Amino acid sequence: MYLKRFCNNSNQLYAYDKKEKRGCYNLPRAFAHEKFFYDLDTNTFKEILEKYFSFDDDSSIDKLSKIQVIENLLGQIEGTANSVLNKLDAEPFALLDENVQFILIYFIHLLSSRTVAQRRKIKNIHSKRCEVFKELGISTNPQMIKYCNMTPEEYSKKCQIERMISPAVALKFADMLMRKYDWYYGIVNSRLKLIISDNPAEIISHGFNDCCFPISPNKAIIFRAKGNDVTLVSNDTPKNGIINLSTQSVFAYDVMQKAYSERFLFGDEISIQYLLYREYLFNSGL
């Protein structure tokens, strides 16, 4: 749903593959779909549901643990988020609507939690911890045994799903976005366009001072940390809640997207190739 917003007039998405060092056009589904990405064994998923939610009877939780709850949840949220993003793309002042803000926050939260990059990070942490536990000789502890007996793939799936459905994690993320930042509506005033990566909300989840969340190649929500002494990526001055993004600002935000990408960059081909060319010149000392 999100990638479709960065397609060309032929509904094709340009994607640059950092690993293969080449780009191509294809349907968004070719880059955003992986079978069984959230598949967990029934018992583990049942444990997660019991941890975060109350059930009147065992039959209800048994039934839920056997269906594709996460996929259904994401499908419903994406439908609502798509309407909100369309509304924002058409009307800057829709950003003042509290309901719009709520959906946007939750969508960004999920987007920051469900990526391949997040899974890789959790896998690495799990593997390193298991090595340390074994070296320290504490792997005989029942909890440690259970932890180490899970494969990195199983554990990373479990962690991602817990992060996605935990009310506490979502509220903490919402509190950070509301308390730390002033929100602005960004409009591209440049031939360069905003691009995204396969890890598009990582910058926001880290709480950087100046974050850009593109909603299309020409529109974005800009989160700037409150205060007069913070370092910002963009020097463009807001007016009535709107920032006209210069070429320098668009390029800077595109650089940040590339910095946190796992493998792919998506969006306007010319903007991506320009970014890569500038990086090549910099690395060559030219």
Foldseek 3Di string as FASTA:
>chain_A
DQQQQQADPVSWWWKAFQVVRGIDTDHPCVPPDDPCLLDAPLVLQLVLCVVADDDPDPVVSSVVSPDPVVVVVVVVLVVVLVVLLVVCVVDVCSCVPPVSLLSVLLVLQLLQLRFPVQLVVQLVVLVVVLVVCVVVVNCVPPVNVVSNVDHSSNVSSSVSVSCSPHPVNSVVSSCLQVPFWDKAKEFEPEPAWAKAARNRNNCSVVPAQWAWRDSHRGITIITHTDDDPHDYQDPFDDDPRYTHDYPSSRLSNNVVRVVPHDTMMIHDPVNVVVNVVVVVCVVVVD
